[in-house]
């Protein structure tokens, strides 16, 4: 009888720790609503849309389209800072890159060699 009770208590403690872990992680992830545009040698290349529900879409001038979910590893955004942004693509790939907000200039995302700037 004592062993079963101890086992049940341990399961409850473990479950509490798992819930606490995911609560801490989600408290440090941020989603925003913003549209960014990229240009290649002055020519329009594509658009990145970040939505407040943590989904995104990327469309390019070539007709390519990507979507999925994202999160920014931050509690809030501030000028003069740089943050990691993680894209979970619908095809299963994960892309980690930078979300930047210079003290002067536009917020931007560096994605695959292209600088997507907020409008």
Protein backbone atom coordinates (compact mmCIF):
# COMPACT_ATOMS: atom_id res chain seq x y z
CA UNK A 1 0.00 0.00 0.00
CA UNK A 2 2.84 2.46 0.89
CA UNK A 3 4.67 1.79 -2.39
CA UNK A 4 1.60 2.57 -4.52
CA UNK A 5 0.99 5.81 -2.62
CA UNK A 6 4.62 6.88 -3.02
CA UNK A 7 4.47 6.05 -6.74
CA UNK A 8 1.31 8.15 -7.16
CA UNK A 9 2.88 11.08 -5.32
CA UNK A 10 6.00 10.85 -7.49
CA UNK A 11 3.85 10.90 -10.64
CA UNK A 12 2.05 14.03 -9.41
CA UNK A 13 5.34 15.74 -8.60
CA UNK A 14 6.75 14.84 -12.01
CA UNK A 15 3.62 16.13 -13.76
CA UNK A 16 3.85 19.39 -11.79
CA UNK A 17 7.48 19.83 -12.83
CA UNK A 18 6.64 19.24 -16.50
CA UNK A 19 3.80 21.79 -16.38
CA UNK A 20 6.08 24.31 -14.64
CA UNK A 21 8.81 23.75 -17.25
CA UNK A 22 6.49 24.44 -20.18
CA UNK A 23 4.98 27.44 -18.42
CA UNK A 24 8.45 28.95 -18.00
CA UNK A 25 9.34 28.29 -21.65
CA UNK A 26 6.10 29.77 -22.99
CA UNK A 27 6.50 32.83 -20.76
CA UNK A 28 9.73 33.62 -22.62
CA UNK A 29 8.32 33.27 -26.12
CA UNK A 30 6.81 36.26 -27.90
CA UNK A 31 4.63 36.53 -30.97
CA UNK A 32 3.96 39.80 -32.82
CA UNK A 33 1.89 41.03 -35.74
CA UNK A 34 4.15 42.63 -38.33
CA UNK A 35 4.88 42.53 -42.07
CA UNK A 36 8.41 42.60 -43.48
CA UNK A 37 9.64 43.03 -47.07
CA UNK A 38 12.93 41.95 -48.67
CA UNK A 39 14.66 43.37 -51.72
CA UNK A 40 17.49 41.92 -53.81
CA UNK A 41 19.61 44.62 -55.49
CA UNK A 42 16.70 47.04 -55.15
CA UNK A 43 14.17 44.63 -56.67
CA UNK A 44 11.30 43.23 -54.63
CA UNK A 45 12.11 39.68 -53.46
CA UNK A 46 9.44 38.66 -50.95
CA UNK A 47 7.23 39.24 -47.96
CA UNK A 48 7.29 37.78 -44.44
CA UNK A 49 4.12 38.08 -42.37
CA UNK A 50 4.32 37.38 -38.65
CA UNK A 51 0.91 37.04 -37.03
CA UNK A 52 -0.03 37.50 -33.38
CA UNK A 53 -1.26 33.88 -33.19
CA UNK A 54 2.38 32.79 -33.77
CA UNK A 55 1.82 31.73 -37.36
CA UNK A 56 3.73 33.08 -40.35
CA UNK A 57 3.75 33.08 -44.14
CA UNK A 58 6.58 33.84 -46.53
CA UNK A 59 5.93 34.56 -50.18
CA UNK A 60 8.54 35.29 -52.84
CA UNK A 61 8.49 36.99 -56.21
CA UNK A 62 9.12 33.54 -57.77
CA UNK A 63 5.77 32.30 -56.46
CA UNK A 64 7.22 30.25 -53.61
CA UNK A 65 5.18 30.15 -50.43
CA UNK A 66 6.06 28.86 -46.96
CA UNK A 67 4.09 28.78 -43.73
CA UNK A 68 4.17 27.45 -40.20
CA UNK A 69 4.56 28.75 -36.68
CA UNK A 70 7.21 30.90 -35.03
CA UNK A 71 8.27 32.36 -31.72
CA UNK A 72 10.71 35.02 -30.63
CA UNK A 73 12.83 34.13 -27.60
CA UNK A 74 12.01 37.25 -25.57
CA UNK A 75 9.47 38.66 -23.15
CA UNK A 76 9.29 41.98 -24.98
CA UNK A 77 11.05 43.76 -27.84
CA UNK A 78 13.12 46.91 -27.38
CA UNK A 79 15.16 49.15 -29.70
CA UNK A 80 18.86 48.35 -29.76
CA UNK A 81 18.31 44.64 -29.24
CA UNK A 82 18.62 41.39 -31.15
CA UNK A 83 16.63 38.22 -30.45
CA UNK A 84 16.51 34.66 -31.69
CA UNK A 85 13.42 33.87 -33.77
CA UNK A 86 12.53 30.24 -34.46
CA UNK A 87 10.47 29.25 -37.50
CA UNK A 88 8.79 25.83 -37.45
CA UNK A 89 8.03 25.23 -41.12
CA UNK A 90 4.98 23.23 -42.14
CA UNK A 91 7.30 20.76 -43.92
CA UNK A 92 8.96 19.87 -40.59
CA UNK A 93 12.10 22.02 -40.89
CA UNK A 94 13.15 24.35 -38.08
CA UNK A 95 15.01 27.56 -38.89
CA UNK A 96 16.67 29.63 -36.17
CA UNK A 97 17.72 33.14 -37.11
CA UNK A 98 17.78 36.72 -35.80
CA UNK A 99 15.07 39.31 -35.19
CA UNK A 100 16.79 42.70 -34.93
CA UNK A 101 15.61 46.11 -33.80
CA UNK A 102 18.40 48.68 -34.18
CA UNK A 103 18.31 51.89 -32.14
CA UNK A 104 17.84 53.74 -35.42
CA UNK A 105 16.15 52.03 -38.30
CA UNK A 106 13.52 49.42 -38.95
CA UNK A 107 12.89 46.12 -37.24
CA UNK A 108 14.14 43.31 -39.45
CA UNK A 109 14.58 39.55 -39.76
CA UNK A 110 17.67 38.00 -41.36
CA UNK A 111 16.36 34.98 -43.25
CA UNK A 112 18.42 32.86 -45.60
CA UNK A 113 20.70 35.74 -46.58
CA UNK A 114 17.85 38.19 -47.14
CA UNK A 115 17.09 41.07 -44.81
CA UNK A 116 13.33 41.39 -44.38
CA UNK A 117 12.54 44.92 -43.09
CA UNK A 118 9.37 46.02 -41.31
CA UNK A 119 7.17 48.54 -43.10
